[in-house]
């Protein structure tokens, strides 16, 4: 049982490290992880590691939220852009009708 929890936490940690590196470099983070956690309780000896991963998750979420807020502010600060007017092409008249 502990082995499957180790594998699940390893996969979670790997994803968090990739996300942390991407955010630090200003790149797009990887797509969300869809982890498969065991259907058994977390062993007590892994609780500390799970808490540390949860703390890292919260830190990364805070960084990403700040990045999104800065992007929103930058976009909202841009002048409105109007679509260019379509040129008039005249009308078609069928004089043979």
N, C-alpha and C. Protein backbone atom coordinates (compact mmCIF):
# COMPACT_ATOMS: atom_id res chain seq x y z
N UNK A 1 0.82 -1.20 0.00
CA UNK A 1 0.00 0.00 0.00
C UNK A 1 0.86 1.26 0.00
N UNK A 2 1.88 1.26 0.82
CA UNK A 2 2.73 2.44 0.91
C UNK A 2 3.41 2.72 -0.41
N UNK A 3 3.74 1.64 -1.16
CA UNK A 3 4.41 1.82 -2.45
C UNK A 3 3.54 2.63 -3.40
N UNK A 4 2.25 2.34 -3.47
CA UNK A 4 1.38 3.08 -4.38
C UNK A 4 1.25 4.54 -3.95
N UNK A 5 1.25 4.80 -2.64
CA UNK A 5 1.21 6.17 -2.17
C UNK A 5 2.52 6.88 -2.52
N UNK A 6 3.65 6.17 -2.39
CA UNK A 6 4.93 6.77 -2.78
C UNK A 6 4.90 7.14 -4.26
N UNK A 7 4.38 6.25 -5.10
CA UNK A 7 4.32 6.52 -6.54
C UNK A 7 3.42 7.72 -6.83
N UNK A 8 2.28 7.80 -6.16
CA UNK A 8 1.36 8.92 -6.38
C UNK A 8 2.00 10.23 -5.93
N UNK A 9 2.67 10.23 -4.80
CA UNK A 9 3.32 11.44 -4.32
C UNK A 9 4.52 11.80 -5.19
N UNK A 10 5.23 10.80 -5.69
CA UNK A 10 6.35 11.06 -6.62
C UNK A 10 5.84 11.75 -7.88
N UNK A 11 4.74 11.24 -8.44
CA UNK A 11 4.17 11.83 -9.65
C UNK A 11 3.71 13.26 -9.39
N UNK A 12 3.10 13.49 -8.25
CA UNK A 12 2.64 14.82 -7.88
C UNK A 12 3.83 15.76 -7.72
N UNK A 13 4.86 15.30 -7.04
CA UNK A 13 6.04 16.14 -6.84
C UNK A 13 6.72 16.48 -8.17
N UNK A 14 6.83 15.49 -9.05
CA UNK A 14 7.44 15.71 -10.36
C UNK A 14 6.68 16.79 -11.12
N UNK A 15 5.36 16.70 -11.12
CA UNK A 15 4.53 17.69 -11.81
C UNK A 15 4.69 19.07 -11.19
N UNK A 16 4.74 19.14 -9.87
CA UNK A 16 4.90 20.42 -9.21
C UNK A 16 6.26 21.05 -9.52
N UNK A 17 7.30 20.23 -9.59
CA UNK A 17 8.63 20.74 -9.92
C UNK A 17 8.64 21.27 -11.36
N UNK A 18 7.99 20.55 -12.28
CA UNK A 18 7.89 21.04 -13.67
C UNK A 18 7.13 22.36 -13.73
N UNK A 19 6.06 22.45 -12.98
CA UNK A 19 5.26 23.67 -12.94
C UNK A 19 6.06 24.82 -12.36
N UNK A 20 6.80 24.55 -11.28
CA UNK A 20 7.61 25.57 -10.65
C UNK A 20 8.68 26.10 -11.62
N UNK A 21 9.32 25.20 -12.34
CA UNK A 21 10.35 25.60 -13.30
C UNK A 21 9.75 26.44 -14.43
N UNK A 22 8.59 26.02 -14.92
CA UNK A 22 7.93 26.76 -16.01
C UNK A 22 7.55 28.16 -15.56
N UNK A 23 6.98 28.28 -14.37
CA UNK A 23 6.57 29.59 -13.87
C UNK A 23 7.79 30.49 -13.63
N UNK A 24 8.87 29.90 -13.12
CA UNK A 24 10.08 30.68 -12.87
C UNK A 24 10.69 31.19 -14.17
N UNK A 25 10.55 30.40 -15.23
CA UNK A 25 11.10 30.79 -16.53
C UNK A 25 10.14 31.68 -17.33
N UNK A 26 8.93 31.87 -16.81
CA UNK A 26 7.94 32.67 -17.52
C UNK A 26 7.27 31.91 -18.64
N UNK A 27 7.34 30.60 -18.59
CA UNK A 27 6.74 29.76 -19.62
C UNK A 27 5.38 29.24 -19.19
N UNK A 28 4.71 28.64 -20.14
CA UNK A 28 3.41 28.03 -19.88
C UNK A 28 3.62 26.78 -19.01
N UNK A 29 2.90 26.67 -17.90
CA UNK A 29 3.05 25.47 -17.08
C UNK A 29 2.45 24.26 -17.79
N UNK A 30 2.85 23.07 -17.37
CA UNK A 30 2.30 21.86 -18.00
C UNK A 30 0.80 21.75 -17.72
N UNK A 31 0.10 20.95 -18.52
CA UNK A 31 -1.33 20.78 -18.26
C UNK A 31 -1.55 20.16 -16.89
N UNK A 32 -2.73 20.37 -16.32
CA UNK A 32 -3.01 19.83 -14.98
C UNK A 32 -2.78 18.33 -14.93
N UNK A 33 -2.32 17.89 -13.79
CA UNK A 33 -2.08 16.47 -13.56
C UNK A 33 -3.38 15.83 -13.11
N UNK A 34 -3.65 14.66 -13.60
CA UNK A 34 -4.81 13.91 -13.16
C UNK A 34 -4.29 12.69 -12.41
N UNK A 35 -3.85 12.90 -11.16
CA UNK A 35 -3.20 11.80 -10.43
C UNK A 35 -4.19 10.72 -10.03
N UNK A 36 -3.65 9.55 -9.92
CA UNK A 36 -4.43 8.42 -9.44
C UNK A 36 -3.94 8.11 -8.04
N UNK A 37 -4.75 8.44 -7.07
CA UNK A 37 -4.37 8.18 -5.69
C UNK A 37 -5.00 6.86 -5.25
N UNK A 38 -4.29 6.14 -4.40
CA UNK A 38 -4.82 4.86 -3.91
C UNK A 38 -6.13 5.05 -3.14
N UNK A 39 -6.91 4.02 -3.12
CA UNK A 39 -8.20 4.05 -2.41
C UNK A 39 -8.05 3.63 -0.96
N UNK A 40 -6.84 3.71 -0.46
CA UNK A 40 -6.58 3.37 0.95
C UNK A 40 -6.08 4.63 1.64
N UNK A 41 -6.23 4.69 2.95
CA UNK A 41 -5.78 5.88 3.68
C UNK A 41 -4.28 6.13 3.50
N UNK A 42 -3.92 7.39 3.55
CA UNK A 42 -2.52 7.78 3.48
C UNK A 42 -1.81 7.28 4.72
N UNK A 43 -0.71 6.55 4.56
CA UNK A 43 0.03 6.09 5.74
C UNK A 43 0.57 7.28 6.53
N UNK A 44 0.57 7.17 7.82
CA UNK A 44 0.99 8.26 8.70
C UNK A 44 2.41 8.73 8.41
N UNK A 45 3.28 7.83 8.00
CA UNK A 45 4.67 8.21 7.75
C UNK A 45 4.83 9.09 6.51
N UNK A 46 3.79 9.16 5.67
CA UNK A 46 3.85 9.99 4.47
C UNK A 46 3.12 11.32 4.63
N UNK A 47 2.53 11.55 5.79
CA UNK A 47 1.75 12.76 6.02
C UNK A 47 2.60 14.02 5.88
N UNK A 48 3.81 14.00 6.39
CA UNK A 48 4.68 15.17 6.29
C UNK A 48 5.00 15.52 4.85
N UNK A 49 5.28 14.49 4.05
CA UNK A 49 5.58 14.72 2.63
C UNK A 49 4.35 15.28 1.92
N UNK A 50 3.19 14.72 2.22
CA UNK A 50 1.96 15.19 1.60
C UNK A 50 1.70 16.65 1.97
N UNK A 51 1.95 17.02 3.23
CA UNK A 51 1.77 18.41 3.65
C UNK A 51 2.74 19.34 2.92
N UNK A 52 3.98 18.90 2.75
CA UNK A 52 4.97 19.71 2.04
C UNK A 52 4.55 19.92 0.58
N UNK A 53 4.02 18.89 -0.05
CA UNK A 53 3.56 19.01 -1.43
C UNK A 53 2.34 19.93 -1.51
N UNK A 54 1.49 19.85 -0.53
CA UNK A 54 0.32 20.74 -0.49
C UNK A 54 0.77 22.19 -0.32
N UNK A 55 1.77 22.43 0.52
CA UNK A 55 2.30 23.78 0.70
C UNK A 55 2.91 24.30 -0.60
N UNK A 56 3.66 23.45 -1.30
CA UNK A 56 4.23 23.85 -2.58
C UNK A 56 3.12 24.15 -3.59
N UNK A 57 2.07 23.37 -3.57
CA UNK A 57 0.93 23.60 -4.45
C UNK A 57 0.33 24.98 -4.19
N UNK A 58 0.16 25.33 -2.93
CA UNK A 58 -0.39 26.66 -2.59
C UNK A 58 0.54 27.78 -3.04
N UNK A 59 1.84 27.59 -2.89
CA UNK A 59 2.81 28.61 -3.34
C UNK A 59 2.72 28.81 -4.84
N UNK A 60 2.66 27.71 -5.59
CA UNK A 60 2.59 27.80 -7.05
C UNK A 60 1.27 28.41 -7.49
N UNK A 61 0.21 28.07 -6.80
CA UNK A 61 -1.10 28.65 -7.11
C UNK A 61 -1.07 30.16 -6.90
N UNK A 62 -0.40 30.60 -5.85
CA UNK A 62 -0.29 32.03 -5.57
C UNK A 62 0.52 32.73 -6.66
N UNK A 63 1.61 32.12 -7.09
CA UNK A 63 2.43 32.69 -8.16
C UNK A 63 1.62 32.78 -9.45
N UNK A 64 0.91 31.71 -9.79
CA UNK A 64 0.11 31.69 -11.02
C UNK A 64 -1.01 32.71 -10.95
N UNK A 65 -1.65 32.85 -9.80
CA UNK A 65 -2.72 33.83 -9.65
C UNK A 65 -2.19 35.24 -9.83
N UNK A 66 -1.02 35.52 -9.26
CA UNK A 66 -0.41 36.84 -9.44
C UNK A 66 -0.09 37.11 -10.90
N UNK A 67 0.39 36.09 -11.58
CA UNK A 67 0.71 36.23 -13.01
C UNK A 67 -0.55 36.52 -13.81
N UNK A 68 -1.63 35.82 -13.51
CA UNK A 68 -2.90 36.06 -14.20
C UNK A 68 -3.43 37.47 -13.93
N UNK A 69 -3.31 37.91 -12.70
CA UNK A 69 -3.78 39.26 -12.36
C UNK A 69 -2.99 40.32 -13.11
N UNK A 70 -1.67 40.13 -13.23
CA UNK A 70 -0.85 41.09 -13.98
C UNK A 70 -1.23 41.09 -15.46
N UNK A 71 -1.51 39.91 -16.00
CA UNK A 71 -1.93 39.83 -17.41
C UNK A 71 -3.28 40.52 -17.61
N UNK A 72 -4.21 40.28 -16.71
CA UNK A 72 -5.52 40.94 -16.80
C UNK A 72 -5.38 42.45 -16.75
N UNK A 73 -4.55 42.93 -15.82
CA UNK A 73 -4.36 44.38 -15.70
C UNK A 73 -3.73 44.95 -16.97
N UNK A 74 -2.77 44.22 -17.54
CA UNK A 74 -2.13 44.70 -18.78
C UNK A 74 -3.13 44.73 -19.93
N UNK A 75 -3.96 43.71 -20.02
CA UNK A 75 -4.96 43.66 -21.10
C UNK A 75 -6.01 44.74 -20.91
N UNK A 76 -6.46 44.91 -19.67
CA UNK A 76 -7.47 45.95 -19.42
C UNK A 76 -6.91 47.35 -19.63
N UNK A 77 -5.61 47.52 -19.51
CA UNK A 77 -4.99 48.81 -19.72
C UNK A 77 -4.73 49.14 -21.17
N UNK A 78 -4.93 48.19 -22.05
CA UNK A 78 -4.70 48.43 -23.47
C UNK A 78 -5.87 49.22 -24.05
N UNK A 79 -5.58 50.09 -25.01
CA UNK A 79 -6.68 50.83 -25.63
C UNK A 79 -7.59 49.88 -26.40
N UNK A 80 -8.86 50.24 -26.43
CA UNK A 80 -9.82 49.41 -27.16
C UNK A 80 -9.47 49.45 -28.64
N UNK A 81 -9.62 48.35 -29.29
CA UNK A 81 -9.29 48.27 -30.70
C UNK A 81 -10.56 48.00 -31.48
N UNK A 82 -10.80 48.83 -32.47
CA UNK A 82 -11.99 48.66 -33.29
C UNK A 82 -11.65 47.85 -34.51
N UNK A 83 -12.61 47.10 -34.95
CA UNK A 83 -12.42 46.35 -36.19
C UNK A 83 -12.39 47.34 -37.35
N UNK A 84 -11.50 47.12 -38.31
CA UNK A 84 -11.46 48.06 -39.44
C UNK A 84 -12.77 48.02 -40.22
N UNK A 85 -13.16 49.18 -40.71
CA UNK A 85 -14.39 49.27 -41.50
C UNK A 85 -14.21 48.51 -42.80
N UNK A 86 -15.24 47.84 -43.22
CA UNK A 86 -15.16 47.13 -44.49
C UNK A 86 -15.29 48.12 -45.64
N UNK A 87 -14.44 47.99 -46.61
CA UNK A 87 -14.53 48.95 -47.73
C UNK A 87 -15.82 48.71 -48.52
N UNK A 88 -16.35 49.79 -49.05
CA UNK A 88 -17.56 49.67 -49.87
C UNK A 88 -17.15 49.17 -51.23
N UNK A 89 -17.86 48.20 -51.71
CA UNK A 89 -17.54 47.63 -53.02
C UNK A 89 -18.59 48.00 -54.06
N UNK A 90 -19.53 48.81 -53.69
CA UNK A 90 -20.57 49.19 -54.63
C UNK A 90 -21.66 48.13 -54.66
N UNK A 91 -22.58 48.29 -55.58
CA UNK A 91 -23.66 47.35 -55.72
C UNK A 91 -23.65 46.78 -57.13
N UNK A 92 -24.18 45.63 -57.23
CA UNK A 92 -24.26 44.97 -58.52
C UNK A 92 -25.65 45.18 -59.11
N UNK A 93 -25.69 45.70 -60.30
CA UNK A 93 -26.97 45.92 -60.98
C UNK A 93 -26.94 45.11 -62.27
N UNK A 94 -27.90 44.25 -62.42
CA UNK A 94 -27.99 43.44 -63.65
C UNK A 94 -28.89 44.20 -64.63
N UNK A 95 -28.26 44.85 -65.60
CA UNK A 95 -29.05 45.66 -66.51
C UNK A 95 -29.72 44.83 -67.59
N UNK A 96 -29.35 43.57 -67.67
CA UNK A 96 -30.00 42.71 -68.67
C UNK A 96 -31.26 42.05 -68.14
N UNK A 97 -31.63 42.31 -66.90
CA UNK A 97 -32.79 41.65 -66.32
C UNK A 97 -34.07 42.38 -66.60
